[in-house]
């Protein structure tokens, strides 16, 4: 049960989390929010999307974009699931906590792009902060496009699959606890440093 946003542009200016008094932004609890058909959530760098411990964000056919969104994922088992589609993160989207799964289903991919600073956001890519990523796509599971930066920090772990850093893309690791790549095939086409 839950709801589906199909080919919708969502302007998310809410900056809180949770439901009820004081809550704002997008809150998914006890159900699944499905994004498909090219749906884009534009947070402008401050808009929030919260996946509660019993909620799920599912990206399916036609894919979706999180553009300048601050995502908090409290689901330790299946918070964000990408199946048969591309989830694009751009304009400094941050995902904090929880789990992100790129399924084995053909066409499943997590793509990091620089973005085009829509709705007041800042171009640059995305950050995974203390996220447990399971990549079951052995060919093109995670891709950092040219001009984008994927930052891994606060103990983020990526397990399995492939991570491709295109020419002009950057994979950055920061924070005291850094990140772990576990059984990942990394195709690094970048030629710079720093």
C-alpha atoms as a PDB file:
ATOM      1  CA  UNK A   1       0.000   0.000   0.000  1.00  0.00           C
ATOM      2  CA  UNK A   2       1.022   3.602  -0.282  1.00  0.00           C
ATOM      3  CA  UNK A   3       1.116   6.074  -3.158  1.00  0.00           C
ATOM      4  CA  UNK A   4       2.718   6.579  -6.563  1.00  0.00           C
ATOM      5  CA  UNK A   5       4.057   9.745  -8.150  1.00  0.00           C
ATOM      6  CA  UNK A   6       4.183   9.106 -11.891  1.00  0.00           C
ATOM      7  CA  UNK A   7       5.836  11.748 -14.115  1.00  0.00           C
ATOM      8  CA  UNK A   8       5.326  14.454 -11.484  1.00  0.00           C
ATOM      9  CA  UNK A   9       7.559  17.428 -10.638  1.00  0.00           C
ATOM     10  CA  UNK A  10       7.408  17.941  -6.872  1.00  0.00           C
ATOM     11  CA  UNK A  11       8.568  21.258  -5.396  1.00  0.00           C
ATOM     12  CA  UNK A  12       9.560  20.285  -1.845  1.00  0.00           C
ATOM     13  CA  UNK A  13      10.241  23.371   0.267  1.00  0.00           C
ATOM     14  CA  UNK A  14       9.502  21.652   3.583  1.00  0.00           C
ATOM     15  CA  UNK A  15      12.449  21.552   5.975  1.00  0.00           C
ATOM     16  CA  UNK A  16      11.182  19.428   8.858  1.00  0.00           C
ATOM     17  CA  UNK A  17      10.780  15.720   9.420  1.00  0.00           C
ATOM     18  CA  UNK A  18       7.979  13.590  10.743  1.00  0.00           C
ATOM     19  CA  UNK A  19       4.241  14.020  10.694  1.00  0.00           C
ATOM     20  CA  UNK A  20       1.950  16.115  12.847  1.00  0.00           C
ATOM     21  CA  UNK A  21       2.810  19.399  14.486  1.00  0.00           C
ATOM     22  CA  UNK A  22       6.228  20.631  13.415  1.00  0.00           C
ATOM     23  CA  UNK A  23       6.502  18.130  10.598  1.00  0.00           C
ATOM     24  CA  UNK A  24       6.973  19.234   7.017  1.00  0.00           C
ATOM     25  CA  UNK A  25       8.541  18.058   3.819  1.00  0.00           C
ATOM     26  CA  UNK A  26       7.790  14.547   2.534  1.00  0.00           C
ATOM     27  CA  UNK A  27       7.276  11.834   5.165  1.00  0.00           C
ATOM     28  CA  UNK A  28       6.896   8.121   4.327  1.00  0.00           C
ATOM     29  CA  UNK A  29       5.767   5.941   7.238  1.00  0.00           C
ATOM     30  CA  UNK A  30       4.078   2.529   7.294  1.00  0.00           C
ATOM     31  CA  UNK A  31       3.795   2.447   3.515  1.00  0.00           C
ATOM     32  CA  UNK A  32       5.667   2.717   0.221  1.00  0.00           C
ATOM     33  CA  UNK A  33       6.125   5.854  -1.858  1.00  0.00           C
ATOM     34  CA  UNK A  34       6.740   4.802  -5.462  1.00  0.00           C
ATOM     35  CA  UNK A  35       8.453   7.190  -7.864  1.00  0.00           C
ATOM     36  CA  UNK A  36       8.293   6.388 -11.568  1.00  0.00           C
ATOM     37  CA  UNK A  37       7.802   7.821 -15.032  1.00  0.00           C
ATOM     38  CA  UNK A  38      10.583  10.380 -14.599  1.00  0.00           C
ATOM     39  CA  UNK A  39       9.231  11.981 -11.428  1.00  0.00           C
ATOM     40  CA  UNK A  40      11.539  14.662  -9.993  1.00  0.00           C
ATOM     41  CA  UNK A  41      11.557  15.910  -6.416  1.00  0.00           C
ATOM     42  CA  UNK A  42      13.216  19.331  -6.228  1.00  0.00           C
ATOM     43  CA  UNK A  43      14.298  20.354  -2.764  1.00  0.00           C
ATOM     44  CA  UNK A  44      16.292  23.470  -3.542  1.00  0.00           C
ATOM     45  CA  UNK A  45      19.040  22.232  -1.216  1.00  0.00           C
ATOM     46  CA  UNK A  46      16.861  22.311   1.906  1.00  0.00           C
ATOM     47  CA  UNK A  47      13.665  20.357   1.167  1.00  0.00           C
ATOM     48  CA  UNK A  48      13.374  17.123   3.130  1.00  0.00           C
ATOM     49  CA  UNK A  49      12.270  13.575   2.435  1.00  0.00           C
ATOM     50  CA  UNK A  50      12.066  11.279   5.458  1.00  0.00           C
ATOM     51  CA  UNK A  51      11.687   7.495   5.220  1.00  0.00           C
ATOM     52  CA  UNK A  52      10.574   6.215   8.620  1.00  0.00           C
ATOM     53  CA  UNK A  53      11.770   2.881  10.025  1.00  0.00           C
ATOM     54  CA  UNK A  54       8.688   1.191   8.543  1.00  0.00           C
ATOM     55  CA  UNK A  55       8.566   3.184   5.292  1.00  0.00           C
ATOM     56  CA  UNK A  56      10.058   2.594   1.851  1.00  0.00           C
ATOM     57  CA  UNK A  57      10.954   4.699  -1.177  1.00  0.00           C
ATOM     58  CA  UNK A  58      10.651   2.597  -4.356  1.00  0.00           C
ATOM     59  CA  UNK A  59      11.928   3.743  -7.757  1.00  0.00           C
ATOM     60  CA  UNK A  60      10.565   1.798 -10.730  1.00  0.00           C
ATOM     61  CA  UNK A  61       9.987   2.065 -14.491  1.00  0.00           C
ATOM     62  CA  UNK A  62      10.874   5.408 -16.002  1.00  0.00           C
ATOM     63  CA  UNK A  63      13.006   6.293 -12.992  1.00  0.00           C
ATOM     64  CA  UNK A  64      13.173   9.371 -10.805  1.00  0.00           C
ATOM     65  CA  UNK A  65      15.429  12.232  -9.720  1.00  0.00           C
ATOM     66  CA  UNK A  66      16.133  13.599  -6.256  1.00  0.00           C
ATOM     67  CA  UNK A  67      17.358  17.127  -6.947  1.00  0.00           C
ATOM     68  CA  UNK A  68      18.797  19.076  -4.017  1.00  0.00           C
ATOM     69  CA  UNK A  69      16.884  16.992  -1.455  1.00  0.00           C
ATOM     70  CA  UNK A  70      17.912  16.217   2.136  1.00  0.00           C
ATOM     71  CA  UNK A  71      16.906  12.565   2.610  1.00  0.00           C
ATOM     72  CA  UNK A  72      16.806  10.871   6.011  1.00  0.00           C
ATOM     73  CA  UNK A  73      16.358   7.088   5.843  1.00  0.00           C
ATOM     74  CA  UNK A  74      15.570   5.345   9.139  1.00  0.00           C
ATOM     75  CA  UNK A  75      14.736   1.958   7.575  1.00  0.00           C
ATOM     76  CA  UNK A  76      17.600  -0.419   8.338  1.00  0.00           C
ATOM     77  CA  UNK A  77      16.392  -3.175   5.993  1.00  0.00           C
ATOM     78  CA  UNK A  78      14.806  -1.749   2.833  1.00  0.00           C
ATOM     79  CA  UNK A  79      14.572   2.020   2.915  1.00  0.00           C
ATOM     80  CA  UNK A  80      15.318   3.007  -0.690  1.00  0.00           C
ATOM     81  CA  UNK A  81      14.882   0.398  -3.438  1.00  0.00           C
ATOM     82  CA  UNK A  82      15.789   0.939  -7.104  1.00  0.00           C
ATOM     83  CA  UNK A  83      14.264  -1.714  -9.359  1.00  0.00           C
ATOM     84  CA  UNK A  84      14.308  -1.725 -13.162  1.00  0.00           C
ATOM     85  CA  UNK A  85      14.927   2.013 -13.325  1.00  0.00           C
ATOM     86  CA  UNK A  86      17.475   4.781 -12.767  1.00  0.00           C
ATOM     87  CA  UNK A  87      17.508   6.874  -9.593  1.00  0.00           C
ATOM     88  CA  UNK A  88      19.418  10.088 -10.281  1.00  0.00           C
ATOM     89  CA  UNK A  89      20.861  12.128  -7.425  1.00  0.00           C
ATOM     90  CA  UNK A  90      22.055  15.632  -8.226  1.00  0.00           C
ATOM     91  CA  UNK A  91      22.344  19.237  -7.043  1.00  0.00           C
ATOM     92  CA  UNK A  92      23.989  18.197  -3.741  1.00  0.00           C
ATOM     93  CA  UNK A  93      21.317  15.731  -2.648  1.00  0.00           C
ATOM     94  CA  UNK A  94      22.262  14.085   0.668  1.00  0.00           C
ATOM     95  CA  UNK A  95      21.035  10.667   1.822  1.00  0.00           C
ATOM     96  CA  UNK A  96      21.681  10.046   5.517  1.00  0.00           C
ATOM     97  CA  UNK A  97      21.345   6.656   7.176  1.00  0.00           C
ATOM     98  CA  UNK A  98      19.402   3.546   6.297  1.00  0.00           C
ATOM     99  CA  UNK A  99      19.739   1.336   3.254  1.00  0.00           C
ATOM    100  CA  UNK A 100      19.819   1.798  -0.499  1.00  0.00           C
ATOM    101  CA  UNK A 101      19.407  -1.249  -2.757  1.00  0.00           C
ATOM    102  CA  UNK A 102      20.126  -1.373  -6.485  1.00  0.00           C
ATOM    103  CA  UNK A 103      18.315  -4.523  -7.598  1.00  0.00           C
ATOM    104  CA  UNK A 104      19.552  -7.156 -10.050  1.00  0.00           C
ATOM    105  CA  UNK A 105      16.597  -6.326 -12.333  1.00  0.00           C
ATOM    106  CA  UNK A 106      17.775  -5.078 -15.750  1.00  0.00           C
ATOM    107  CA  UNK A 107      18.066  -1.303 -15.921  1.00  0.00           C
ATOM    108  CA  UNK A 108      18.470  -0.776 -12.166  1.00  0.00           C
ATOM    109  CA  UNK A 109      21.015   1.977 -11.552  1.00  0.00           C
ATOM    110  CA  UNK A 110      22.018   4.713  -9.128  1.00  0.00           C
ATOM    111  CA  UNK A 111      23.307   7.655 -11.152  1.00  0.00           C
ATOM    112  CA  UNK A 112      25.086  10.702  -9.761  1.00  0.00           C
ATOM    113  CA  UNK A 113      24.925  13.862 -11.873  1.00  0.00           C
ATOM    114  CA  UNK A 114      26.068  17.434 -11.291  1.00  0.00           C
ATOM    115  CA  UNK A 115      22.622  18.877 -11.919  1.00  0.00           C
ATOM    116  CA  UNK A 116      21.546  22.284 -13.152  1.00  0.00           C
ATOM    117  CA  UNK A 117      20.913  24.222  -9.870  1.00  0.00           C
ATOM    118  CA  UNK A 118      17.112  24.217 -10.064  1.00  0.00           C
ATOM    119  CA  UNK A 119      14.954  25.827  -7.388  1.00  0.00           C
ATOM    120  CA  UNK A 120      17.935  27.443  -5.661  1.00  0.00           C
ATOM    121  CA  UNK A 121      19.985  24.257  -5.239  1.00  0.00           C
ATOM    122  CA  UNK A 122      23.744  24.036  -5.807  1.00  0.00           C
ATOM    123  CA  UNK A 123      25.108  21.861  -8.598  1.00  0.00           C
ATOM    124  CA  UNK A 124      27.687  19.270  -7.679  1.00  0.00           C
ATOM    125  CA  UNK A 125      26.483  15.703  -7.206  1.00  0.00           C
ATOM    126  CA  UNK A 126      25.447  13.860  -4.048  1.00  0.00           C
ATOM    127  CA  UNK A 127      26.528  12.564  -0.638  1.00  0.00           C
ATOM    128  CA  UNK A 128      25.846   9.182   0.955  1.00  0.00           C
ATOM    129  CA  UNK A 129      26.242   9.631   4.712  1.00  0.00           C
ATOM    130  CA  UNK A 130      26.261   6.433   6.801  1.00  0.00           C
ATOM    131  CA  UNK A 131      24.263   4.534   4.174  1.00  0.00           C
ATOM    132  CA  UNK A 132      24.413   0.771   3.632  1.00  0.00           C
ATOM    133  CA  UNK A 133      24.301   0.301  -0.156  1.00  0.00           C
ATOM    134  CA  UNK A 134      23.699  -3.128  -1.715  1.00  0.00           C
ATOM    135  CA  UNK A 135      24.397  -3.133  -5.449  1.00  0.00           C
ATOM    136  CA  UNK A 136      23.193  -6.290  -7.197  1.00  0.00           C
ATOM    137  CA  UNK A 137      23.750  -4.920 -10.713  1.00  0.00           C
ATOM    138  CA  UNK A 138      26.977  -6.459 -11.976  1.00  0.00           C
ATOM    139  CA  UNK A 139      27.292  -4.243 -15.061  1.00  0.00           C
ATOM    140  CA  UNK A 140      26.270  -0.645 -14.354  1.00  0.00           C
ATOM    141  CA  UNK A 141      24.932  -0.408 -10.811  1.00  0.00           C
ATOM    142  CA  UNK A 142      26.354   2.953  -9.720  1.00  0.00           C
ATOM    143  CA  UNK A 143      27.661   5.605 -12.097  1.00  0.00           C
ATOM    144  CA  UNK A 144      29.219   8.997 -11.339  1.00  0.00           C
ATOM    145  CA  UNK A 145      28.793  11.133 -14.447  1.00  0.00           C
ATOM    146  CA  UNK A 146      31.252  13.708 -15.738  1.00  0.00           C
ATOM    147  CA  UNK A 147      31.137  16.883 -13.675  1.00  0.00           C
ATOM    148  CA  UNK A 148      29.600  15.168 -10.642  1.00  0.00           C
ATOM    149  CA  UNK A 149      31.053  14.309  -7.244  1.00  0.00           C
ATOM    150  CA  UNK A 150      29.840  11.352  -5.184  1.00  0.00           C
ATOM    151  CA  UNK A 151      30.927  11.835  -1.581  1.00  0.00           C
ATOM    152  CA  UNK A 152      30.947   8.858   0.776  1.00  0.00           C
ATOM    153  CA  UNK A 153      31.305   9.574   4.469  1.00  0.00           C
ATOM    154  CA  UNK A 154      30.396   8.621   8.041  1.00  0.00           C
ATOM    155  CA  UNK A 155      30.973   4.905   7.504  1.00  0.00           C
ATOM    156  CA  UNK A 156      29.004   4.416   4.278  1.00  0.00           C
ATOM    157  CA  UNK A 157      29.384   0.863   2.932  1.00  0.00           C
ATOM    158  CA  UNK A 158      28.831  -0.183  -0.684  1.00  0.00           C
ATOM    159  CA  UNK A 159      28.628  -3.942  -1.159  1.00  0.00           C
ATOM    160  CA  UNK A 160      28.713  -5.765  -4.484  1.00  0.00           C
ATOM    161  CA  UNK A 161      28.101  -4.685  -8.053  1.00  0.00           C
ATOM    162  CA  UNK A 162      29.948  -2.039 -10.027  1.00  0.00           C
ATOM    163  CA  UNK A 163      30.872   1.591  -9.457  1.00  0.00           C
ATOM    164  CA  UNK A 164      31.853   3.566 -12.551  1.00  0.00           C
ATOM    165  CA  UNK A 165      33.502   6.977 -12.277  1.00  0.00           C
ATOM    166  CA  UNK A 166      33.281   8.601 -15.701  1.00  0.00           C
ATOM    167  CA  UNK A 167      35.997  10.876 -17.078  1.00  0.00           C
ATOM    168  CA  UNK A 168      35.422  14.171 -15.254  1.00  0.00           C
ATOM    169  CA  UNK A 169      33.587  12.513 -12.363  1.00  0.00           C
ATOM    170  CA  UNK A 170      34.902  12.231  -8.790  1.00  0.00           C
ATOM    171  CA  UNK A 171      34.475   9.699  -6.002  1.00  0.00           C
ATOM    172  CA  UNK A 172      35.375  11.466  -2.741  1.00  0.00           C
ATOM    173  CA  UNK A 173      35.726   9.866   0.685  1.00  0.00           C
ATOM    174  CA  UNK A 174      35.585  12.140   3.713  1.00  0.00           C
ATOM    175  CA  UNK A 175      35.128  12.110   7.479  1.00  0.00           C
ATOM    176  CA  UNK A 176      36.989  10.282  10.209  1.00  0.00           C
ATOM    177  CA  UNK A 177      35.219   6.967   9.576  1.00  0.00           C
ATOM    178  CA  UNK A 178      35.386   7.213   5.771  1.00  0.00           C
ATOM    179  CA  UNK A 179      33.732   4.530   3.686  1.00  0.00           C
ATOM    180  CA  UNK A 180      34.046   0.870   2.686  1.00  0.00           C
ATOM    181  CA  UNK A 181      33.816  -0.721  -0.748  1.00  0.00           C
ATOM    182  CA  UNK A 182      33.121  -4.428  -0.241  1.00  0.00           C
ATOM    183  CA  UNK A 183      33.362  -6.762  -3.255  1.00  0.00           C
ATOM    184  CA  UNK A 184      32.826  -3.858  -5.681  1.00  0.00           C
ATOM    185  CA  UNK A 185      34.261  -3.617  -9.203  1.00  0.00           C
ATOM    186  CA  UNK A 186      35.382   0.002  -9.658  1.00  0.00           C
ATOM    187  CA  UNK A 187      35.860   1.366 -13.177  1.00  0.00           C
ATOM    188  CA  UNK A 188      37.703   4.652 -12.667  1.00  0.00           C
ATOM    189  CA  UNK A 189      38.052   6.724 -15.832  1.00  0.00           C
ATOM    190  CA  UNK A 190      38.963   9.897 -13.938  1.00  0.00           C
ATOM    191  CA  UNK A 191      42.472  11.259 -14.564  1.00  0.00           C
ATOM    192  CA  UNK A 192      42.785  14.084 -12.050  1.00  0.00           C
ATOM    193  CA  UNK A 193      43.689  14.277  -8.379  1.00  0.00           C
ATOM    194  CA  UNK A 194      42.118  16.061  -5.427  1.00  0.00           C
END
